Amino acid sequence: MPHQQLLADILRSVLQIDTQFEDDTLLLGAIPEFDSMAVITVITELEEQLGIQIDDDEISAEVFESFGQLYSFIQQKQAA
């Protein structure tokens, strides 16, 4: 499964919403269900399903601002 689809599936599952995600879909602050606990759960799911490690100092509101930014962050983590 392409990682963009996997990310969308993780977000739909964690947030328990049925939304189509585009690169410019705003996340943190725009979706009421996307709170700090949801961020932690999304990070955990990404680490488990993609085999990446996300350090605490890499987590910022900017990374979670939009679907496209989060997807770009994931791509960078996998390339590292």
PDB file of N, CA and C in Angstrom:
ATOM      1  N   MET A   1       0.854  -1.183   0.000  1.00  0.00           N
ATOM      2  CA  MET A   1       0.000   0.000   0.000  1.00  0.00           C
ATOM      3  C   MET A   1       0.894   1.239   0.000  1.00  0.00           C
ATOM      4  N   PRO A   2       0.649   2.167  -0.924  1.00  0.00           N
ATOM      5  CA  PRO A   2       1.461   3.397  -0.920  1.00  0.00           C
ATOM      6  C   PRO A   2       1.346   4.122   0.422  1.00  0.00           C
ATOM      7  N   HIS A   3       2.427   4.766   0.801  1.00  0.00           N
ATOM      8  CA  HIS A   3       2.475   5.389   2.120  1.00  0.00           C
ATOM      9  C   HIS A   3       1.470   6.520   2.281  1.00  0.00           C
ATOM     10  N   GLN A   4       1.134   7.206   1.193  1.00  0.00           N
ATOM     11  CA  GLN A   4       0.141   8.276   1.298  1.00  0.00           C
ATOM     12  C   GLN A   4      -1.223   7.687   1.674  1.00  0.00           C
ATOM     13  N   GLN A   5      -1.565   6.548   1.081  1.00  0.00           N
ATOM     14  CA  GLN A   5      -2.829   5.886   1.412  1.00  0.00           C
ATOM     15  C   GLN A   5      -2.776   5.332   2.832  1.00  0.00           C
ATOM     16  N   LEU A   6      -1.639   4.777   3.220  1.00  0.00           N
ATOM     17  CA  LEU A   6      -1.480   4.253   4.579  1.00  0.00           C
ATOM     18  C   LEU A   6      -1.644   5.375   5.602  1.00  0.00           C
ATOM     19  N   LEU A   7      -1.036   6.530   5.346  1.00  0.00           N
ATOM     20  CA  LEU A   7      -1.170   7.666   6.253  1.00  0.00           C
ATOM     21  C   LEU A   7      -2.631   8.086   6.371  1.00  0.00           C
ATOM     22  N   ALA A   8      -3.315   8.174   5.250  1.00  0.00           N
ATOM     23  CA  ALA A   8      -4.731   8.548   5.272  1.00  0.00           C
ATOM     24  C   ALA A   8      -5.549   7.536   6.067  1.00  0.00           C
ATOM     25  N   ASP A   9      -5.261   6.257   5.878  1.00  0.00           N
ATOM     26  CA  ASP A   9      -5.975   5.208   6.613  1.00  0.00           C
ATOM     27  C   ASP A   9      -5.715   5.304   8.117  1.00  0.00           C
ATOM     28  N   ILE A  10      -4.471   5.568   8.494  1.00  0.00           N
ATOM     29  CA  ILE A  10      -4.121   5.716   9.909  1.00  0.00           C
ATOM     30  C   ILE A  10      -4.877   6.904  10.503  1.00  0.00           C
ATOM     31  N   LEU A  11      -4.881   8.022   9.797  1.00  0.00           N
ATOM     32  CA  LEU A  11      -5.577   9.210  10.300  1.00  0.00           C
ATOM     33  C   LEU A  11      -7.079   8.949  10.449  1.00  0.00           C
ATOM     34  N   ARG A  12      -7.685   8.306   9.449  1.00  0.00           N
ATOM     35  CA  ARG A  12      -9.120   8.005   9.532  1.00  0.00           C
ATOM     36  C   ARG A  12      -9.410   7.090  10.717  1.00  0.00           C
ATOM     37  N   SER A  13      -8.557   6.104  10.937  1.00  0.00           N
ATOM     38  CA  SER A  13      -8.751   5.152  12.025  1.00  0.00           C
ATOM     39  C   SER A  13      -8.570   5.818  13.392  1.00  0.00           C
ATOM     40  N   VAL A  14      -7.477   6.545  13.554  1.00  0.00           N
ATOM     41  CA  VAL A  14      -7.176   7.181  14.840  1.00  0.00           C
ATOM     42  C   VAL A  14      -8.216   8.247  15.186  1.00  0.00           C
ATOM     43  N   LEU A  15      -8.575   9.062  14.200  1.00  0.00           N
ATOM     44  CA  LEU A  15      -9.503  10.162  14.439  1.00  0.00           C
ATOM     45  C   LEU A  15     -10.960   9.734  14.367  1.00  0.00           C
ATOM     46  N   GLN A  16     -11.182   8.521  13.875  1.00  0.00           N
ATOM     47  CA  GLN A  16     -12.529   7.970  13.713  1.00  0.00           C
ATOM     48  C   GLN A  16     -13.407   8.906  12.896  1.00  0.00           C
ATOM     49  N   ILE A  17     -12.848   9.327  11.747  1.00  0.00           N
ATOM     50  CA  ILE A  17     -13.578  10.171  10.818  1.00  0.00           C
ATOM     51  C   ILE A  17     -13.468   9.575   9.420  1.00  0.00           C
ATOM     52  N   ASP A  18     -14.414   9.911   8.564  1.00  0.00           N
ATOM     53  CA  ASP A  18     -14.393   9.440   7.186  1.00  0.00           C
ATOM     54  C   ASP A  18     -14.147  10.643   6.288  1.00  0.00           C
ATOM     55  N   THR A  19     -12.883  10.976   6.113  1.00  0.00           N
ATOM     56  CA  THR A  19     -12.479  12.158   5.368  1.00  0.00           C
ATOM     57  C   THR A  19     -11.500  11.764   4.279  1.00  0.00           C
ATOM     58  N   GLN A  20     -11.609  12.431   3.140  1.00  0.00           N
ATOM     59  CA  GLN A  20     -10.599  12.283   2.098  1.00  0.00           C
ATOM     60  C   GLN A  20      -9.503  13.309   2.381  1.00  0.00           C
ATOM     61  N   PHE A  21      -8.270  12.871   2.377  1.00  0.00           N
ATOM     62  CA  PHE A  21      -7.162  13.770   2.681  1.00  0.00           C
ATOM     63  C   PHE A  21      -6.428  14.155   1.404  1.00  0.00           C
ATOM     64  N   GLU A  22      -6.222  15.447   1.221  1.00  0.00           N
ATOM     65  CA  GLU A  22      -5.428  16.006   0.132  1.00  0.00           C
ATOM     66  C   GLU A  22      -4.206  16.657   0.764  1.00  0.00           C
ATOM     67  N   ASP A  23      -3.212  16.995  -0.052  1.00  0.00           N
ATOM     68  CA  ASP A  23      -2.002  17.617   0.490  1.00  0.00           C
ATOM     69  C   ASP A  23      -2.302  18.870   1.302  1.00  0.00           C
ATOM     70  N   ASP A  24      -3.309  19.631   0.893  1.00  0.00           N
ATOM     71  CA  ASP A  24      -3.602  20.889   1.587  1.00  0.00           C
ATOM     72  C   ASP A  24      -4.658  20.742   2.685  1.00  0.00           C
ATOM     73  N   THR A  25      -5.049  19.503   3.007  1.00  0.00           N
ATOM     74  CA  THR A  25      -5.999  19.291   4.099  1.00  0.00           C
ATOM     75  C   THR A  25      -5.328  19.652   5.421  1.00  0.00           C
ATOM     76  N   LEU A  26      -5.908  20.628   6.121  1.00  0.00           N
ATOM     77  CA  LEU A  26      -5.355  21.046   7.401  1.00  0.00           C
ATOM     78  C   LEU A  26      -5.705  20.013   8.471  1.00  0.00           C
ATOM     79  N   LEU A  27      -4.776  19.780   9.376  1.00  0.00           N
ATOM     80  CA  LEU A  27      -4.953  18.772  10.418  1.00  0.00           C
ATOM     81  C   LEU A  27      -5.046  19.421  11.793  1.00  0.00           C
ATOM     82  N   LEU A  28      -3.900  19.620  12.424  1.00  0.00           N
ATOM     83  CA  LEU A  28      -3.841  20.120  13.791  1.00  0.00           C
ATOM     84  C   LEU A  28      -4.460  21.514  13.872  1.00  0.00           C
ATOM     85  N   GLY A  29      -5.474  21.649  14.704  1.00  0.00           N
ATOM     86  CA  GLY A  29      -6.170  22.910  14.846  1.00  0.00           C
ATOM     87  C   GLY A  29      -7.378  23.042  13.940  1.00  0.00           C
ATOM     88  N   ALA A  30      -7.452  22.225  12.897  1.00  0.00           N
ATOM     89  CA  ALA A  30      -8.572  22.301  11.952  1.00  0.00           C
ATOM     90  C   ALA A  30      -9.554  21.151  12.144  1.00  0.00           C
ATOM     91  N   ILE A  31      -9.065  20.018  12.631  1.00  0.00           N
ATOM     92  CA  ILE A  31      -9.917  18.855  12.885  1.00  0.00           C
ATOM     93  C   ILE A  31     -10.024  18.700  14.397  1.00  0.00           C
ATOM     94  N   PRO A  32     -11.226  18.900  14.958  1.00  0.00           N
ATOM     95  CA  PRO A  32     -11.379  18.864  16.421  1.00  0.00           C
ATOM     96  C   PRO A  32     -10.867  17.569  17.064  1.00  0.00           C
ATOM     97  N   GLU A  33     -10.989  16.463  16.359  1.00  0.00           N
ATOM     98  CA  GLU A  33     -10.546  15.178  16.916  1.00  0.00           C
ATOM     99  C   GLU A  33      -9.024  15.052  16.982  1.00  0.00           C
ATOM    100  N   PHE A  34      -8.314  15.913  16.255  1.00  0.00           N
ATOM    101  CA  PHE A  34      -6.855  15.819  16.184  1.00  0.00           C
ATOM    102  C   PHE A  34      -6.251  16.601  17.349  1.00  0.00           C
ATOM    103  N   ASP A  35      -6.218  15.960  18.513  1.00  0.00           N
ATOM    104  CA  ASP A  35      -5.648  16.573  19.713  1.00  0.00           C
ATOM    105  C   ASP A  35      -4.301  15.936  20.024  1.00  0.00           C
ATOM    106  N   SER A  36      -3.731  16.277  21.164  1.00  0.00           N
ATOM    107  CA  SER A  36      -2.393  15.781  21.513  1.00  0.00           C
ATOM    108  C   SER A  36      -2.352  14.264  21.638  1.00  0.00           C
ATOM    109  N   MET A  37      -3.413  13.662  22.142  1.00  0.00           N
ATOM    110  CA  MET A  37      -3.444  12.193  22.244  1.00  0.00           C
ATOM    111  C   MET A  37      -3.496  11.560  20.856  1.00  0.00           C
ATOM    112  N   ALA A  38      -4.215  12.184  19.941  1.00  0.00           N
ATOM    113  CA  ALA A  38      -4.282  11.674  18.569  1.00  0.00           C
ATOM    114  C   ALA A  38      -2.908  11.756  17.906  1.00  0.00           C
ATOM    115  N   VAL A  39      -2.173  12.838  18.164  1.00  0.00           N
ATOM    116  CA  VAL A  39      -0.826  12.982  17.609  1.00  0.00           C
ATOM    117  C   VAL A  39       0.054  11.829  18.071  1.00  0.00           C
ATOM    118  N   ILE A  40       0.014  11.520  19.348  1.00  0.00           N
ATOM    119  CA  ILE A  40       0.822  10.424  19.905  1.00  0.00           C
ATOM    120  C   ILE A  40       0.430   9.089  19.273  1.00  0.00           C
ATOM    121  N   THR A  41      -0.867   8.865  19.120  1.00  0.00           N
ATOM    122  CA  THR A  41      -1.338   7.616  18.529  1.00  0.00           C
ATOM    123  C   THR A  41      -0.923   7.516  17.062  1.00  0.00           C
ATOM    124  N   VAL A  42      -1.018   8.603  16.315  1.00  0.00           N
ATOM    125  CA  VAL A  42      -0.600   8.607  14.910  1.00  0.00           C
ATOM    126  C   VAL A  42       0.897   8.308  14.810  1.00  0.00           C
ATOM    127  N   ILE A  43       1.692   8.932  15.660  1.00  0.00           N
ATOM    128  CA  ILE A  43       3.138   8.687  15.652  1.00  0.00           C
ATOM    129  C   ILE A  43       3.441   7.216  15.935  1.00  0.00           C
ATOM    130  N   THR A  44       2.777   6.665  16.931  1.00  0.00           N
ATOM    131  CA  THR A  44       2.989   5.253  17.283  1.00  0.00           C
ATOM    132  C   THR A  44       2.632   4.347  16.108  1.00  0.00           C
ATOM    133  N   GLU A  45       1.502   4.608  15.469  1.00  0.00           N
ATOM    134  CA  GLU A  45       1.080   3.798  14.319  1.00  0.00           C
ATOM    135  C   GLU A  45       2.073   3.910  13.166  1.00  0.00           C
ATOM    136  N   LEU A  46       2.545   5.116  12.890  1.00  0.00           N
ATOM    137  CA  LEU A  46       3.513   5.313  11.815  1.00  0.00           C
ATOM    138  C   LEU A  46       4.807   4.559  12.103  1.00  0.00           C
ATOM    139  N   GLU A  47       5.270   4.637  13.337  1.00  0.00           N
ATOM    140  CA  GLU A  47       6.502   3.937  13.710  1.00  0.00           C
ATOM    141  C   GLU A  47       6.335   2.436  13.532  1.00  0.00           C
ATOM    142  N   GLU A  48       5.214   1.903  13.983  1.00  0.00           N
ATOM    143  CA  GLU A  48       4.984   0.459  13.910  1.00  0.00           C
ATOM    144  C   GLU A  48       4.793  -0.021  12.476  1.00  0.00           C
ATOM    145  N   GLN A  49       3.991   0.697  11.712  1.00  0.00           N
ATOM    146  CA  GLN A  49       3.645   0.217  10.376  1.00  0.00           C
ATOM    147  C   GLN A  49       4.705   0.510   9.320  1.00  0.00           C
ATOM    148  N   LEU A  50       5.513   1.554   9.549  1.00  0.00           N
ATOM    149  CA  LEU A  50       6.527   1.918   8.560  1.00  0.00           C
ATOM    150  C   LEU A  50       7.948   1.597   9.014  1.00  0.00           C
ATOM    151  N   GLY A  51       8.087   1.176  10.257  1.00  0.00           N
ATOM    152  CA  GLY A  51       9.410   0.834  10.756  1.00  0.00           C
ATOM    153  C   GLY A  51      10.333   2.036  10.879  1.00  0.00           C
ATOM    154  N   ILE A  52       9.766   3.182  11.204  1.00  0.00           N
ATOM    155  CA  ILE A  52      10.579   4.390  11.386  1.00  0.00           C
ATOM    156  C   ILE A  52      10.601   4.757  12.861  1.00  0.00           C
ATOM    157  N   GLN A  53      11.565   5.599  13.236  1.00  0.00           N
ATOM    158  CA  GLN A  53      11.673   6.090  14.605  1.00  0.00           C
ATOM    159  C   GLN A  53      11.543   7.599  14.566  1.00  0.00           C
ATOM    160  N   ILE A  54      10.583   8.137  15.298  1.00  0.00           N
ATOM    161  CA  ILE A  54      10.368   9.580  15.352  1.00  0.00           C
ATOM    162  C   ILE A  54      10.771  10.059  16.743  1.00  0.00           C
ATOM    163  N   ASP A  55      11.797  10.900  16.789  1.00  0.00           N
ATOM    164  CA  ASP A  55      12.284  11.420  18.059  1.00  0.00           C
ATOM    165  C   ASP A  55      11.405  12.573  18.538  1.00  0.00           C
ATOM    166  N   ASP A  56      11.357  12.756  19.849  1.00  0.00           N
ATOM    167  CA  ASP A  56      10.533  13.809  20.443  1.00  0.00           C
ATOM    168  C   ASP A  56      10.852  15.187  19.879  1.00  0.00           C
ATOM    169  N   ASP A  57      12.137  15.456  19.631  1.00  0.00           N
ATOM    170  CA  ASP A  57      12.509  16.788  19.153  1.00  0.00           C
ATOM    171  C   ASP A  57      12.144  17.029  17.692  1.00  0.00           C
ATOM    172  N   GLU A  58      11.672  15.991  17.008  1.00  0.00           N
ATOM    173  CA  GLU A  58      11.226  16.138  15.618  1.00  0.00           C
ATOM    174  C   GLU A  58       9.735  16.472  15.522  1.00  0.00           C
ATOM    175  N   ILE A  59       9.037  16.348  16.620  1.00  0.00           N
ATOM    176  CA  ILE A  59       7.591  16.563  16.635  1.00  0.00           C
ATOM    177  C   ILE A  59       7.313  18.046  16.862  1.00  0.00           C
ATOM    178  N   SER A  60       6.588  18.636  15.912  1.00  0.00           N
ATOM    179  CA  SER A  60       6.211  20.042  16.047  1.00  0.00           C
ATOM    180  C   SER A  60       4.841  20.243  15.421  1.00  0.00           C
ATOM    181  N   ALA A  61       4.224  21.354  15.762  1.00  0.00           N
ATOM    182  CA  ALA A  61       2.917  21.680  15.180  1.00  0.00           C
ATOM    183  C   ALA A  61       3.037  21.845  13.672  1.00  0.00           C
ATOM    184  N   GLU A  62       4.182  22.311  13.205  1.00  0.00           N
ATOM    185  CA  GLU A  62       4.391  22.500  11.769  1.00  0.00           C
ATOM    186  C   GLU A  62       4.291  21.179  11.007  1.00  0.00           C
ATOM    187  N   VAL A  63       4.858  20.118  11.567  1.00  0.00           N
ATOM    188  CA  VAL A  63       4.810  18.802  10.921  1.00  0.00           C
ATOM    189  C   VAL A  63       3.369  18.334  10.762  1.00  0.00           C
ATOM    190  N   PHE A  64       2.536  18.643  11.749  1.00  0.00           N
ATOM    191  CA  PHE A  64       1.154  18.173  11.749  1.00  0.00           C
ATOM    192  C   PHE A  64       0.165  19.232  11.250  1.00  0.00           C
ATOM    193  N   GLU A  65       0.677  20.279  10.619  1.00  0.00           N
ATOM    194  CA  GLU A  65      -0.198  21.352  10.146  1.00  0.00           C
ATOM    195  C   GLU A  65      -1.120  20.894   9.020  1.00  0.00           C
ATOM    196  N   SER A  66      -0.578  20.118   8.072  1.00  0.00           N
ATOM    197  CA  SER A  66      -1.391  19.641   6.953  1.00  0.00           C
ATOM    198  C   SER A  66      -1.000  18.215   6.600  1.00  0.00           C
ATOM    199  N   PHE A  67      -1.870  17.577   5.848  1.00  0.00           N
ATOM    200  CA  PHE A  67      -1.610  16.210   5.411  1.00  0.00           C
ATOM    201  C   PHE A  67      -0.329  16.159   4.573  1.00  0.00           C
ATOM    202  N   GLY A  68      -0.161  17.127   3.689  1.00  0.00           N
ATOM    203  CA  GLY A  68       1.022  17.162   2.834  1.00  0.00           C
ATOM    204  C   GLY A  68       2.307  17.314   3.621  1.00  0.00           C
ATOM    205  N   GLN A  69       2.291  18.157   4.649  1.00  0.00           N
ATOM    206  CA  GLN A  69       3.492  18.332   5.465  1.00  0.00           C
ATOM    207  C   GLN A  69       3.814  17.058   6.244  1.00  0.00           C
ATOM    208  N   LEU A  70       2.799  16.403   6.770  1.00  0.00           N
ATOM    209  CA  LEU A  70       3.028  15.159   7.499  1.00  0.00           C
ATOM    210  C   LEU A  70       3.555  14.083   6.563  1.00  0.00           C
ATOM    211  N   TYR A  71       3.004  14.011   5.363  1.00  0.00           N
ATOM    212  CA  TYR A  71       3.463  13.031   4.381  1.00  0.00           C
ATOM    213  C   TYR A  71       4.919  13.298   3.978  1.00  0.00           C
ATOM    214  N   SER A  72       5.271  14.568   3.772  1.00  0.00           N
ATOM    215  CA  SER A  72       6.657  14.923   3.439  1.00  0.00           C
ATOM    216  C   SER A  72       7.608  14.533   4.563  1.00  0.00           C
ATOM    217  N   PHE A  73       7.179  14.750   5.797  1.00  0.00           N
ATOM    218  CA  PHE A  73       7.984  14.375   6.959  1.00  0.00           C
ATOM    219  C   PHE A  73       8.239  12.869   6.961  1.00  0.00           C
ATOM    220  N   ILE A  74       7.210  12.083   6.683  1.00  0.00           N
ATOM    221  CA  ILE A  74       7.343  10.630   6.647  1.00  0.00           C
ATOM    222  C   ILE A  74       8.315  10.211   5.551  1.00  0.00           C
ATOM    223  N   GLN A  75       8.207  10.840   4.394  1.00  0.00           N
ATOM    224  CA  GLN A  75       9.124  10.519   3.298  1.00  0.00           C
ATOM    225  C   GLN A  75      10.573  10.801   3.692  1.00  0.00           C
ATOM    226  N   GLN A  76      10.799  11.918   4.373  1.00  0.00           N
ATOM    227  CA  GLN A  76      12.150  12.270   4.824  1.00  0.00           C
ATOM    228  C   GLN A  76      12.667  11.249   5.826  1.00  0.00           C
ATOM    229  N   LYS A  77      11.803  10.808   6.739  1.00  0.00           N
ATOM    230  CA  LYS A  77      12.206   9.828   7.745  1.00  0.00           C
ATOM    231  C   LYS A  77      12.599   8.507   7.077  1.00  0.00           C
ATOM    232  N   GLN A  78      11.872   8.100   6.068  1.00  0.00           N
ATOM    233  CA  GLN A  78      12.163   6.836   5.414  1.00  0.00           C
ATOM    234  C   GLN A  78      13.416   6.911   4.555  1.00  0.00           C
ATOM    235  N   ALA A  79      13.724   8.096   4.047  1.00  0.00           N
ATOM    236  CA  ALA A  79      14.910   8.265   3.224  1.00  0.00           C
ATOM    237  C   ALA A  79      16.189   8.317   4.057  1.00  0.00           C
ATOM    238  N   ALA A  80      16.027   8.643   5.332  1.00  0.00           N
ATOM    239  CA  ALA A  80      17.194   8.793   6.225  1.00  0.00           C
ATOM    240  C   ALA A  80      17.794   7.453   6.574  1.00  0.00           C
TER     241      ALA A  80
END
